[in-house]
């Protein structure tokens, strides 16, 4: 059964997340013999074969759900001068370094480095399913409750902006579309959400769709 996002309160959302997720690292993060079930191939099955041929790149992102009366999700806009995915909307996060204890540590470190989000405001809840991208990244999304009142300092070498979008808007499947564009001589399909002037697409929209499946189905 599918449920409307507006029907789930913030307290219920966090309760479901705690009941349905753990901080046990999803299998397949660095194992080439395991193909993650979720990824860019959700919208475009042919991308699965392409991704499986790429070198594995473990990464982690923080899905920070801010505990307002109407909860919001923290999102960033990548710097325009970056060589990879300039200007795209994403979650704070990045490569899992050898010095990181686990994907959670990676996500928290990256959030501090990119937007200055203090760990004292972040209460980790659990991991979503491992997400595989066309370029070989295997991303561990970390769901966390973020208490309001935080102050942010952007690392402009990586991020141009940070903003919040109502969780109910992102979870409303009427706002999710399947788009297409040319990529390396072929047509690629992906999920996208338009919020005002913000265009949330690709990996970010795909991970949000996985969040919907875990909480609202």
N, C-alpha and C. Protein backbone atom coordinates (compact mmCIF):
# COMPACT_ATOMS: atom_id res chain seq x y z
N UNK A 1 0.84 -1.19 0.00
CA UNK A 1 0.00 0.00 0.00
C UNK A 1 0.87 1.24 0.00
N UNK A 2 0.49 2.24 -0.81
CA UNK A 2 1.20 3.50 -0.83
C UNK A 2 0.48 4.50 0.05
N UNK A 3 1.24 5.38 0.66
CA UNK A 3 0.68 6.34 1.61
C UNK A 3 1.15 7.73 1.22
N UNK A 4 0.29 8.73 1.36
CA UNK A 4 0.69 10.09 1.03
C UNK A 4 1.67 10.60 2.06
N UNK A 5 2.64 11.40 1.59
CA UNK A 5 3.66 11.93 2.49
C UNK A 5 3.04 12.82 3.56
N UNK A 6 2.00 13.58 3.19
CA UNK A 6 1.39 14.50 4.15
C UNK A 6 0.73 13.77 5.31
N UNK A 7 0.41 12.50 5.13
CA UNK A 7 -0.27 11.74 6.17
C UNK A 7 0.67 11.25 7.26
N UNK A 8 1.97 11.38 7.05
CA UNK A 8 2.96 10.90 8.00
C UNK A 8 3.59 12.09 8.73
N UNK A 9 3.43 12.14 10.04
CA UNK A 9 4.01 13.23 10.82
C UNK A 9 5.52 13.06 10.95
N UNK A 10 6.19 14.11 11.43
CA UNK A 10 7.64 14.03 11.63
C UNK A 10 7.98 12.92 12.62
N UNK A 11 7.22 12.85 13.71
CA UNK A 11 7.48 11.82 14.72
C UNK A 11 7.31 10.43 14.13
N UNK A 12 6.27 10.24 13.31
CA UNK A 12 6.03 8.94 12.69
C UNK A 12 7.12 8.62 11.68
N UNK A 13 7.57 9.63 10.93
CA UNK A 13 8.65 9.40 9.96
C UNK A 13 9.90 8.88 10.65
N UNK A 14 10.31 9.57 11.70
CA UNK A 14 11.53 9.16 12.40
C UNK A 14 11.35 7.79 13.07
N UNK A 15 10.16 7.53 13.59
CA UNK A 15 9.90 6.23 14.21
C UNK A 15 10.00 5.11 13.18
N UNK A 16 9.43 5.33 12.00
CA UNK A 16 9.51 4.30 10.95
C UNK A 16 10.95 4.10 10.50
N UNK A 17 11.68 5.21 10.35
CA UNK A 17 13.07 5.11 9.92
C UNK A 17 13.89 4.29 10.91
N UNK A 18 13.68 4.53 12.20
CA UNK A 18 14.41 3.78 13.22
C UNK A 18 14.02 2.30 13.22
N UNK A 19 12.75 2.02 12.91
CA UNK A 19 12.29 0.64 12.91
C UNK A 19 12.75 -0.13 11.67
N UNK A 20 12.95 0.57 10.57
CA UNK A 20 13.21 -0.10 9.30
C UNK A 20 14.66 -0.03 8.85
N UNK A 21 15.49 0.74 9.54
CA UNK A 21 16.88 0.89 9.12
C UNK A 21 17.82 0.64 10.29
N UNK A 22 19.02 0.22 9.94
CA UNK A 22 20.06 0.03 10.95
C UNK A 22 21.36 0.65 10.43
N UNK A 23 22.36 0.68 11.29
CA UNK A 23 23.68 1.17 10.89
C UNK A 23 24.61 0.00 10.57
N UNK A 24 24.01 -1.10 10.13
CA UNK A 24 24.80 -2.21 9.59
C UNK A 24 25.09 -1.92 8.12
N UNK A 25 26.36 -1.91 7.75
CA UNK A 25 26.77 -1.51 6.40
C UNK A 25 26.14 -2.45 5.38
N UNK A 26 25.46 -1.90 4.37
CA UNK A 26 24.83 -2.75 3.35
C UNK A 26 25.86 -3.61 2.62
N UNK A 27 25.53 -4.86 2.27
CA UNK A 27 26.48 -5.71 1.56
C UNK A 27 26.73 -5.19 0.14
N UNK A 28 27.95 -5.44 -0.33
CA UNK A 28 28.27 -5.08 -1.71
C UNK A 28 28.96 -3.76 -1.88
N UNK A 29 29.31 -3.09 -0.77
CA UNK A 29 29.92 -1.77 -0.88
C UNK A 29 31.21 -1.80 -1.70
N UNK A 30 32.00 -2.86 -1.52
CA UNK A 30 33.25 -2.97 -2.26
C UNK A 30 33.43 -4.34 -2.91
N UNK A 31 32.34 -5.08 -3.02
CA UNK A 31 32.42 -6.44 -3.55
C UNK A 31 31.90 -6.49 -4.99
N UNK A 32 32.78 -6.74 -5.96
CA UNK A 32 32.36 -6.75 -7.37
C UNK A 32 31.41 -7.90 -7.70
N UNK A 33 31.33 -8.89 -6.81
CA UNK A 33 30.43 -10.03 -7.04
C UNK A 33 29.00 -9.74 -6.60
N UNK A 34 28.80 -8.59 -5.96
CA UNK A 34 27.46 -8.19 -5.51
C UNK A 34 27.04 -6.94 -6.29
N UNK A 35 25.91 -7.01 -6.95
CA UNK A 35 25.37 -5.85 -7.65
C UNK A 35 24.24 -5.25 -6.82
N UNK A 36 24.38 -4.01 -6.38
CA UNK A 36 23.31 -3.40 -5.58
C UNK A 36 21.97 -3.41 -6.31
N UNK A 37 20.91 -3.63 -5.56
CA UNK A 37 19.58 -3.69 -6.17
C UNK A 37 19.10 -2.30 -6.60
N UNK A 38 19.56 -1.27 -5.89
CA UNK A 38 19.11 0.09 -6.20
C UNK A 38 20.21 0.85 -6.91
N UNK A 39 19.79 1.79 -7.75
CA UNK A 39 20.77 2.60 -8.46
C UNK A 39 20.17 3.28 -9.67
N UNK A 40 21.05 3.83 -10.51
CA UNK A 40 20.60 4.48 -11.73
C UNK A 40 19.79 3.54 -12.61
N UNK A 41 20.02 2.23 -12.45
CA UNK A 41 19.30 1.25 -13.26
C UNK A 41 17.83 1.12 -12.84
N UNK A 42 17.42 1.77 -11.74
CA UNK A 42 15.99 1.79 -11.39
C UNK A 42 15.19 2.45 -12.52
N UNK A 43 15.73 3.55 -13.04
CA UNK A 43 15.04 4.30 -14.09
C UNK A 43 15.45 3.84 -15.47
N UNK A 44 16.63 3.21 -15.57
CA UNK A 44 17.17 2.85 -16.88
C UNK A 44 17.95 1.54 -16.74
N UNK A 45 17.31 0.39 -16.93
CA UNK A 45 17.94 -0.91 -16.67
C UNK A 45 19.26 -1.14 -17.40
N UNK A 46 19.46 -0.55 -18.58
CA UNK A 46 20.69 -0.78 -19.31
C UNK A 46 21.90 -0.22 -18.55
N UNK A 47 21.67 0.75 -17.67
CA UNK A 47 22.77 1.35 -16.91
C UNK A 47 23.41 0.35 -15.94
N UNK A 48 22.68 -0.70 -15.60
CA UNK A 48 23.23 -1.70 -14.68
C UNK A 48 24.47 -2.35 -15.29
N UNK A 49 24.40 -2.76 -16.55
CA UNK A 49 25.53 -3.41 -17.20
C UNK A 49 26.72 -2.46 -17.33
N UNK A 50 26.43 -1.20 -17.62
CA UNK A 50 27.51 -0.22 -17.74
C UNK A 50 28.19 -0.01 -16.40
N UNK A 51 27.39 0.12 -15.33
CA UNK A 51 27.95 0.35 -14.00
C UNK A 51 28.79 -0.83 -13.52
N UNK A 52 28.36 -2.05 -13.85
CA UNK A 52 29.08 -3.24 -13.38
C UNK A 52 30.48 -3.33 -13.97
N UNK A 53 30.73 -2.65 -15.09
CA UNK A 53 32.05 -2.68 -15.73
C UNK A 53 32.99 -1.62 -15.19
N UNK A 54 32.47 -0.70 -14.41
CA UNK A 54 33.28 0.40 -13.89
C UNK A 54 34.03 -0.03 -12.62
N UNK A 55 35.17 0.59 -12.36
CA UNK A 55 35.83 0.36 -11.06
C UNK A 55 34.91 0.83 -9.93
N UNK A 56 34.89 0.08 -8.84
CA UNK A 56 34.02 0.42 -7.71
C UNK A 56 34.58 1.62 -6.95
N UNK A 57 33.71 2.59 -6.68
CA UNK A 57 34.10 3.79 -5.94
C UNK A 57 33.17 3.95 -4.73
N UNK A 58 33.55 3.48 -3.56
CA UNK A 58 32.69 3.59 -2.38
C UNK A 58 32.52 5.05 -1.94
N UNK A 59 31.29 5.42 -1.61
CA UNK A 59 30.99 6.78 -1.17
C UNK A 59 29.85 6.75 -0.17
N UNK A 60 29.65 7.87 0.51
CA UNK A 60 28.56 7.99 1.48
C UNK A 60 28.00 9.40 1.42
N UNK A 61 26.69 9.53 1.63
CA UNK A 61 26.05 10.84 1.68
C UNK A 61 25.16 10.93 2.91
N UNK A 62 24.91 12.16 3.35
CA UNK A 62 24.06 12.39 4.51
C UNK A 62 22.71 12.94 4.06
N UNK A 63 21.65 12.20 4.37
CA UNK A 63 20.29 12.70 4.13
C UNK A 63 19.81 13.26 5.47
N UNK A 64 20.05 14.54 5.65
CA UNK A 64 19.70 15.20 6.90
C UNK A 64 18.27 15.70 6.88
N UNK A 65 17.42 15.09 7.69
CA UNK A 65 16.02 15.51 7.79
C UNK A 65 15.90 16.42 9.01
N UNK A 66 15.62 17.70 8.75
CA UNK A 66 15.58 18.69 9.81
C UNK A 66 14.22 18.62 10.52
N UNK A 67 14.27 18.49 11.83
CA UNK A 67 13.06 18.24 12.63
C UNK A 67 12.31 19.53 12.94
N UNK A 68 11.85 20.19 11.87
CA UNK A 68 10.93 21.32 12.03
C UNK A 68 9.52 20.77 12.23
N UNK A 69 8.56 21.70 12.47
CA UNK A 69 7.16 21.29 12.52
C UNK A 69 6.78 20.58 11.23
N UNK A 70 7.24 21.14 10.11
CA UNK A 70 7.17 20.44 8.83
C UNK A 70 8.60 20.09 8.45
N UNK A 71 8.99 18.84 8.57
CA UNK A 71 10.40 18.47 8.35
C UNK A 71 10.87 18.80 6.94
N UNK A 72 12.15 19.12 6.85
CA UNK A 72 12.77 19.44 5.57
C UNK A 72 14.01 18.58 5.37
N UNK A 73 14.51 18.57 4.14
CA UNK A 73 15.73 17.83 3.81
C UNK A 73 16.81 18.82 3.38
N UNK A 74 18.00 18.68 3.94
CA UNK A 74 19.12 19.55 3.58
C UNK A 74 19.74 19.08 2.26
N UNK A 75 19.84 20.01 1.31
CA UNK A 75 20.43 19.71 0.01
C UNK A 75 21.46 20.79 -0.34
N UNK A 76 22.42 20.43 -1.14
CA UNK A 76 23.44 21.38 -1.57
C UNK A 76 23.41 21.54 -3.09
N UNK A 77 23.96 22.66 -3.53
CA UNK A 77 24.19 22.85 -4.96
C UNK A 77 25.70 22.87 -5.16
N UNK A 78 26.19 21.92 -5.94
CA UNK A 78 27.62 21.79 -6.15
C UNK A 78 28.18 23.03 -6.86
N UNK A 79 29.42 23.35 -6.56
CA UNK A 79 30.07 24.52 -7.15
C UNK A 79 30.13 24.40 -8.68
N UNK A 80 29.94 25.52 -9.35
CA UNK A 80 29.92 25.53 -10.80
C UNK A 80 31.27 25.21 -11.43
N UNK A 81 32.36 25.42 -10.67
CA UNK A 81 33.69 25.20 -11.26
C UNK A 81 34.20 23.76 -11.11
N UNK A 82 33.41 22.90 -10.44
CA UNK A 82 33.86 21.52 -10.25
C UNK A 82 33.88 20.77 -11.59
N UNK A 83 34.86 19.89 -11.79
CA UNK A 83 34.92 19.14 -13.05
C UNK A 83 33.82 18.10 -13.20
N UNK A 84 33.33 17.56 -12.07
CA UNK A 84 32.28 16.53 -12.12
C UNK A 84 30.96 17.09 -11.58
N UNK A 85 29.91 16.97 -12.37
CA UNK A 85 28.55 17.36 -11.97
C UNK A 85 28.47 18.79 -11.43
N UNK A 86 29.03 19.77 -12.13
CA UNK A 86 28.97 21.15 -11.64
C UNK A 86 27.54 21.67 -11.56
N UNK A 87 27.24 22.36 -10.47
CA UNK A 87 25.95 22.99 -10.32
C UNK A 87 24.80 22.06 -9.97
N UNK A 88 25.05 20.78 -9.88
CA UNK A 88 23.95 19.85 -9.61
C UNK A 88 23.56 19.85 -8.14
N UNK A 89 22.31 19.52 -7.89
CA UNK A 89 21.81 19.39 -6.52
C UNK A 89 22.20 18.02 -5.98
N UNK A 90 22.71 18.01 -4.77
CA UNK A 90 23.16 16.74 -4.19
C UNK A 90 23.01 16.77 -2.68
N UNK A 91 23.29 15.64 -2.05
CA UNK A 91 23.39 15.57 -0.60
C UNK A 91 24.83 15.85 -0.20
N UNK A 92 25.09 16.37 0.99
CA UNK A 92 26.47 16.44 1.47
C UNK A 92 27.06 15.03 1.49
N UNK A 93 28.27 14.90 1.03
CA UNK A 93 28.88 13.57 1.03
C UNK A 93 29.99 13.46 0.02
N UNK A 94 30.59 12.28 -0.05
CA UNK A 94 31.68 12.06 -0.97
C UNK A 94 32.36 10.73 -0.74
N UNK A 95 33.57 10.64 -1.20
CA UNK A 95 34.34 9.40 -1.16
C UNK A 95 34.57 8.91 0.27
N UNK A 96 34.46 7.61 0.46
CA UNK A 96 34.82 7.00 1.74
C UNK A 96 36.34 6.85 1.79
N UNK A 97 36.96 7.55 2.70
CA UNK A 97 38.41 7.51 2.84
C UNK A 97 38.84 6.33 3.70
N UNK A 98 40.08 5.89 3.48
CA UNK A 98 40.60 4.76 4.25
C UNK A 98 40.64 5.06 5.74
N UNK A 99 40.75 6.33 6.10
CA UNK A 99 40.81 6.72 7.51
C UNK A 99 39.44 6.77 8.17
N UNK A 100 38.37 6.69 7.39
CA UNK A 100 37.02 6.72 7.95
C UNK A 100 36.67 5.37 8.56
N UNK A 101 36.10 5.39 9.74
CA UNK A 101 35.76 4.15 10.43
C UNK A 101 34.68 3.37 9.69
N UNK A 102 33.74 4.09 9.10
CA UNK A 102 32.61 3.47 8.42
C UNK A 102 31.93 4.52 7.54
N UNK A 103 30.90 4.14 6.75
CA UNK A 103 30.22 5.13 5.91
C UNK A 103 29.60 6.28 6.70
N UNK A 104 29.11 6.00 7.90
CA UNK A 104 28.56 7.06 8.74
C UNK A 104 29.62 8.12 9.02
N UNK A 105 30.81 7.68 9.40
CA UNK A 105 31.89 8.62 9.66
C UNK A 105 32.22 9.45 8.43
N UNK A 106 32.17 8.82 7.26
CA UNK A 106 32.43 9.54 6.00
C UNK A 106 31.39 10.62 5.77
N UNK A 107 30.12 10.25 5.94
CA UNK A 107 29.04 11.20 5.69
C UNK A 107 29.09 12.38 6.66
N UNK A 108 29.36 12.11 7.93
CA UNK A 108 29.45 13.19 8.92
C UNK A 108 30.65 14.09 8.63
N UNK A 109 31.78 13.49 8.28
CA UNK A 109 32.97 14.29 7.96
C UNK A 109 32.71 15.18 6.75
N UNK A 110 32.13 14.62 5.72
CA UNK A 110 31.87 15.39 4.50
C UNK A 110 30.89 16.53 4.76
N UNK A 111 29.87 16.27 5.59
CA UNK A 111 28.90 17.32 5.90
C UNK A 111 29.56 18.47 6.65
N UNK A 112 30.49 18.14 7.53
CA UNK A 112 31.25 19.18 8.23
C UNK A 112 32.13 19.95 7.26
N UNK A 113 32.83 19.23 6.38
CA UNK A 113 33.76 19.88 5.47
C UNK A 113 33.06 20.72 4.41
N UNK A 114 31.92 20.24 3.92
CA UNK A 114 31.25 20.93 2.82
C UNK A 114 30.38 22.10 3.28
N UNK A 115 29.59 21.89 4.34
CA UNK A 115 28.64 22.93 4.73
C UNK A 115 28.75 23.35 6.20
N UNK A 116 29.70 22.77 6.92
CA UNK A 116 29.92 23.17 8.30
C UNK A 116 28.84 22.71 9.26
N UNK A 117 28.15 21.60 8.94
CA UNK A 117 27.11 21.08 9.81
C UNK A 117 27.74 20.36 11.00
N UNK A 118 27.56 20.91 12.19
CA UNK A 118 28.16 20.33 13.40
C UNK A 118 27.50 19.01 13.75
N UNK A 119 28.31 18.06 14.17
CA UNK A 119 27.79 16.73 14.52
C UNK A 119 26.86 16.76 15.72
N UNK A 120 26.98 17.79 16.55
CA UNK A 120 26.11 17.89 17.72
C UNK A 120 24.65 18.06 17.32
N UNK A 121 24.39 18.46 16.08
CA UNK A 121 23.02 18.64 15.61
C UNK A 121 22.51 17.41 14.84
N UNK A 122 23.35 16.39 14.71
CA UNK A 122 23.01 15.25 13.85
C UNK A 122 22.85 13.98 14.68
N UNK A 123 21.69 13.34 14.55
CA UNK A 123 21.44 12.06 15.21
C UNK A 123 21.24 10.99 14.14
N UNK A 124 22.27 10.19 13.86
CA UNK A 124 22.15 9.16 12.81
C UNK A 124 21.07 8.14 13.15
N UNK A 125 20.35 7.70 12.11
CA UNK A 125 19.29 6.71 12.29
C UNK A 125 19.64 5.39 11.63
N UNK A 126 20.05 5.42 10.36
CA UNK A 126 20.38 4.18 9.69
C UNK A 126 20.72 4.40 8.23
N UNK A 127 21.09 3.30 7.58
CA UNK A 127 21.47 3.35 6.17
C UNK A 127 20.30 2.94 5.28
N UNK A 128 20.16 3.66 4.18
CA UNK A 128 19.28 3.21 3.11
C UNK A 128 19.99 2.12 2.32
N UNK A 129 19.33 1.59 1.31
CA UNK A 129 19.95 0.59 0.45
C UNK A 129 21.14 1.19 -0.30
N UNK A 130 22.13 0.37 -0.55
CA UNK A 130 23.28 0.79 -1.34
C UNK A 130 22.81 1.21 -2.73
N UNK A 131 23.33 2.33 -3.22
CA UNK A 131 22.91 2.89 -4.51
C UNK A 131 24.10 2.89 -5.47
N UNK A 132 23.94 2.27 -6.63
CA UNK A 132 25.01 2.17 -7.62
C UNK A 132 24.77 3.15 -8.77
N UNK A 133 25.78 3.94 -9.09
CA UNK A 133 25.65 4.91 -10.17
C UNK A 133 26.29 4.38 -11.44
N UNK A 134 25.95 5.02 -12.54
CA UNK A 134 26.48 4.62 -13.84
C UNK A 134 28.01 4.69 -13.89
N UNK A 135 28.60 5.60 -13.12
CA UNK A 135 30.05 5.78 -13.14
C UNK A 135 30.77 4.87 -12.15
N UNK A 136 30.04 3.98 -11.51
CA UNK A 136 30.68 3.00 -10.63
C UNK A 136 30.68 3.36 -9.16
N UNK A 137 30.14 4.51 -8.80
CA UNK A 137 30.05 4.84 -7.38
C UNK A 137 29.03 3.92 -6.70
N UNK A 138 29.37 3.45 -5.52
CA UNK A 138 28.44 2.71 -4.68
C UNK A 138 28.24 3.55 -3.43
N UNK A 139 27.07 4.15 -3.34
CA UNK A 139 26.80 5.18 -2.34
C UNK A 139 25.97 4.61 -1.20
N UNK A 140 26.43 4.86 0.03
CA UNK A 140 25.67 4.50 1.21
C UNK A 140 24.98 5.76 1.72
N UNK A 141 23.65 5.88 1.57
CA UNK A 141 22.94 7.05 2.10
C UNK A 141 22.66 6.86 3.59
N UNK A 142 23.02 7.86 4.38
CA UNK A 142 22.81 7.83 5.83
C UNK A 142 21.63 8.73 6.18
N UNK A 143 20.57 8.15 6.75
CA UNK A 143 19.44 8.94 7.21
C UNK A 143 19.74 9.44 8.62
N UNK A 144 19.51 10.75 8.84
CA UNK A 144 19.77 11.31 10.16
C UNK A 144 18.74 12.39 10.50
N UNK A 145 18.42 12.47 11.76
CA UNK A 145 17.59 13.58 12.26
C UNK A 145 18.52 14.74 12.59
N UNK A 146 18.16 15.92 12.09
CA UNK A 146 18.96 17.12 12.34
C UNK A 146 18.12 18.08 13.18
N UNK A 147 18.66 18.49 14.32
CA UNK A 147 17.93 19.43 15.18
C UNK A 147 18.08 20.84 14.63
N UNK A 148 17.01 21.64 14.65
CA UNK A 148 17.10 23.02 14.15
C UNK A 148 18.04 23.86 15.01
N UNK A 149 18.38 25.05 14.48
CA UNK A 149 19.24 25.97 15.21
C UNK A 149 20.70 25.89 14.83
N UNK A 150 21.03 25.08 13.84
CA UNK A 150 22.42 24.94 13.40
C UNK A 150 22.83 26.16 12.57
N UNK A 151 24.13 26.42 12.55
CA UNK A 151 24.71 27.45 11.70
C UNK A 151 25.63 26.77 10.69
N UNK A 152 25.57 27.21 9.45
CA UNK A 152 26.36 26.58 8.39
C UNK A 152 27.42 27.53 7.85
N UNK A 153 28.55 26.95 7.47
CA UNK A 153 29.62 27.68 6.80
C UNK A 153 30.00 26.89 5.56
N UNK A 154 29.73 27.46 4.38
CA UNK A 154 29.94 26.72 3.14
C UNK A 154 31.40 26.72 2.72
N UNK A 155 31.85 25.56 2.26
CA UNK A 155 33.16 25.45 1.62
C UNK A 155 32.94 25.76 0.14
N UNK A 156 33.25 26.98 -0.27
CA UNK A 156 32.93 27.41 -1.63
C UNK A 156 33.78 26.72 -2.69
N UNK A 157 34.78 25.98 -2.27
CA UNK A 157 35.53 25.18 -3.23
C UNK A 157 34.70 23.99 -3.71
N UNK A 158 33.67 23.64 -2.93
CA UNK A 158 32.86 22.47 -3.26
C UNK A 158 31.38 22.79 -3.44
N UNK A 159 30.88 23.78 -2.71
CA UNK A 159 29.44 24.03 -2.66
C UNK A 159 29.15 25.50 -2.92
N UNK A 160 28.17 25.76 -3.80
CA UNK A 160 27.73 27.14 -4.05
C UNK A 160 26.60 27.55 -3.13
N UNK A 161 25.79 26.59 -2.71
CA UNK A 161 24.60 26.94 -1.94
C UNK A 161 24.12 25.72 -1.17
N UNK A 162 23.36 25.98 -0.10
CA UNK A 162 22.69 24.92 0.64
C UNK A 162 21.26 25.40 0.90
N UNK A 163 20.30 24.51 0.83
CA UNK A 163 18.92 24.91 1.00
C UNK A 163 18.12 23.73 1.55
N UNK A 164 16.90 24.02 1.98
CA UNK A 164 16.02 22.99 2.53
C UNK A 164 14.77 22.87 1.67
N UNK A 165 14.31 21.64 1.50
CA UNK A 165 13.08 21.35 0.75
C UNK A 165 12.16 20.55 1.67
N UNK A 166 10.88 20.90 1.74
CA UNK A 166 9.97 20.11 2.59
C UNK A 166 10.02 18.62 2.24
N UNK A 167 10.14 17.81 3.25
CA UNK A 167 10.18 16.36 3.05
C UNK A 167 8.92 15.89 2.34
N UNK A 168 7.77 16.46 2.69
CA UNK A 168 6.51 16.02 2.08
C UNK A 168 6.50 16.27 0.58
N UNK A 169 7.15 17.36 0.13
CA UNK A 169 7.22 17.65 -1.30
C UNK A 169 8.08 16.60 -2.01
N UNK A 170 9.21 16.28 -1.43
CA UNK A 170 10.12 15.32 -2.05
C UNK A 170 9.54 13.91 -2.06
N UNK A 171 8.70 13.60 -1.07
CA UNK A 171 8.12 12.27 -0.98
C UNK A 171 6.81 12.13 -1.75
N UNK A 172 6.24 13.24 -2.21
CA UNK A 172 5.00 13.20 -2.99
C UNK A 172 5.35 12.70 -4.40
N UNK A 173 4.93 11.50 -4.72
CA UNK A 173 5.32 10.89 -6.01
C UNK A 173 4.70 11.59 -7.21
N UNK A 174 3.73 12.47 -6.98
CA UNK A 174 3.20 13.29 -8.07
C UNK A 174 4.24 14.30 -8.55
N UNK A 175 5.26 14.58 -7.70
CA UNK A 175 6.31 15.52 -8.07
C UNK A 175 7.51 14.85 -8.73
N UNK A 176 7.48 13.53 -8.83
CA UNK A 176 8.61 12.78 -9.40
C UNK A 176 8.30 12.41 -10.84
N UNK A 177 9.20 12.76 -11.73
CA UNK A 177 9.03 12.46 -13.15
C UNK A 177 10.21 11.65 -13.67
N UNK A 178 10.00 10.99 -14.79
CA UNK A 178 11.07 10.24 -15.45
C UNK A 178 11.46 11.03 -16.71
N UNK A 179 12.69 11.52 -16.72
CA UNK A 179 13.18 12.33 -17.83
C UNK A 179 14.24 11.58 -18.61
N UNK A 180 14.68 12.17 -19.72
CA UNK A 180 15.70 11.54 -20.56
C UNK A 180 16.61 12.61 -21.15
N UNK A 181 17.85 12.24 -21.40
CA UNK A 181 18.79 13.14 -22.08
C UNK A 181 19.86 12.29 -22.77
N UNK A 182 20.54 12.89 -23.72
CA UNK A 182 21.63 12.19 -24.41
C UNK A 182 22.84 12.10 -23.51
N UNK A 183 23.47 10.94 -23.49
CA UNK A 183 24.67 10.71 -22.68
C UNK A 183 25.58 9.76 -23.43
N UNK A 184 26.74 10.26 -23.85
CA UNK A 184 27.75 9.46 -24.55
C UNK A 184 27.14 8.68 -25.72
N UNK A 185 26.33 9.38 -26.51
CA UNK A 185 25.79 8.79 -27.72
C UNK A 185 24.57 7.91 -27.53
N UNK A 186 24.01 7.90 -26.31
CA UNK A 186 22.82 7.09 -26.08
C UNK A 186 21.83 7.90 -25.25
N UNK A 187 20.59 7.47 -25.24
CA UNK A 187 19.56 8.14 -24.45
C UNK A 187 19.50 7.52 -23.07
N UNK A 188 19.67 8.36 -22.08
CA UNK A 188 19.66 7.88 -20.70
C UNK A 188 18.41 8.39 -20.00
N UNK A 189 17.76 7.52 -19.22
CA UNK A 189 16.57 7.90 -18.45
C UNK A 189 16.92 8.02 -16.98
N UNK A 190 16.23 8.93 -16.29
CA UNK A 190 16.52 9.17 -14.88
C UNK A 190 15.30 9.82 -14.24
N UNK A 191 15.27 9.82 -12.91
CA UNK A 191 14.19 10.47 -12.17
C UNK A 191 14.56 11.92 -11.87
N UNK A 192 13.53 12.77 -11.77
CA UNK A 192 13.77 14.19 -11.53
C UNK A 192 12.62 14.79 -10.74
N UNK A 193 12.95 15.79 -9.92
CA UNK A 193 11.97 16.55 -9.13
C UNK A 193 12.29 18.03 -9.32
N UNK A 194 11.31 18.82 -9.68
CA UNK A 194 11.50 20.26 -9.82
C UNK A 194 10.87 20.96 -8.62
N UNK A 195 11.69 21.74 -7.90
CA UNK A 195 11.22 22.50 -6.75
C UNK A 195 11.58 23.96 -6.99
N UNK A 196 10.59 24.75 -7.44
CA UNK A 196 10.89 26.13 -7.80
C UNK A 196 11.92 26.16 -8.90
N UNK A 197 13.03 26.86 -8.64
CA UNK A 197 14.11 26.93 -9.62
C UNK A 197 15.12 25.80 -9.47
N UNK A 198 14.90 24.93 -8.51
CA UNK A 198 15.83 23.82 -8.27
C UNK A 198 15.42 22.59 -9.08
N UNK A 199 16.39 21.99 -9.74
CA UNK A 199 16.15 20.78 -10.52
C UNK A 199 16.93 19.66 -9.86
N UNK A 200 16.22 18.76 -9.21
CA UNK A 200 16.82 17.67 -8.44
C UNK A 200 16.69 16.42 -9.29
N UNK A 201 17.80 15.87 -9.74
CA UNK A 201 17.69 14.76 -10.69
C UNK A 201 18.81 13.74 -10.48
N UNK A 202 18.72 12.67 -11.27
CA UNK A 202 19.78 11.66 -11.26
C UNK A 202 19.89 10.93 -9.93
N UNK A 203 21.11 10.85 -9.42
CA UNK A 203 21.39 10.10 -8.20
C UNK A 203 20.57 10.62 -7.02
N UNK A 204 20.52 11.94 -6.86
CA UNK A 204 19.81 12.52 -5.72
C UNK A 204 18.33 12.15 -5.75
N UNK A 205 17.70 12.29 -6.91
CA UNK A 205 16.29 11.93 -7.03
C UNK A 205 16.09 10.43 -6.87
N UNK A 206 17.03 9.64 -7.35
CA UNK A 206 16.94 8.19 -7.21
C UNK A 206 17.02 7.74 -5.77
N UNK A 207 17.89 8.36 -4.99
CA UNK A 207 18.01 8.03 -3.57
C UNK A 207 16.75 8.45 -2.82
N UNK A 208 16.20 9.60 -3.17
CA UNK A 208 14.95 10.05 -2.54
C UNK A 208 13.81 9.07 -2.84
N UNK A 209 13.81 8.52 -4.04
CA UNK A 209 12.78 7.55 -4.39
C UNK A 209 12.94 6.28 -3.54
N UNK A 210 14.16 5.88 -3.27
CA UNK A 210 14.41 4.74 -2.40
C UNK A 210 13.92 5.03 -0.98
N UNK A 211 14.14 6.28 -0.51
CA UNK A 211 13.65 6.67 0.81
C UNK A 211 12.13 6.54 0.87
N UNK A 212 11.46 6.97 -0.19
CA UNK A 212 10.00 6.84 -0.25
C UNK A 212 9.60 5.37 -0.13
N UNK A 213 10.27 4.51 -0.88
CA UNK A 213 9.92 3.09 -0.85
C UNK A 213 10.08 2.49 0.55
N UNK A 214 11.11 2.93 1.27
CA UNK A 214 11.37 2.35 2.59
C UNK A 214 10.41 2.86 3.67
N UNK A 215 9.94 4.09 3.54
CA UNK A 215 9.13 4.69 4.59
C UNK A 215 7.63 4.67 4.29
N UNK A 216 7.26 4.84 3.03
CA UNK A 216 5.84 5.05 2.71
C UNK A 216 5.16 3.86 2.06
N UNK A 217 5.89 2.85 1.67
CA UNK A 217 5.25 1.68 1.07
C UNK A 217 4.99 0.62 2.14
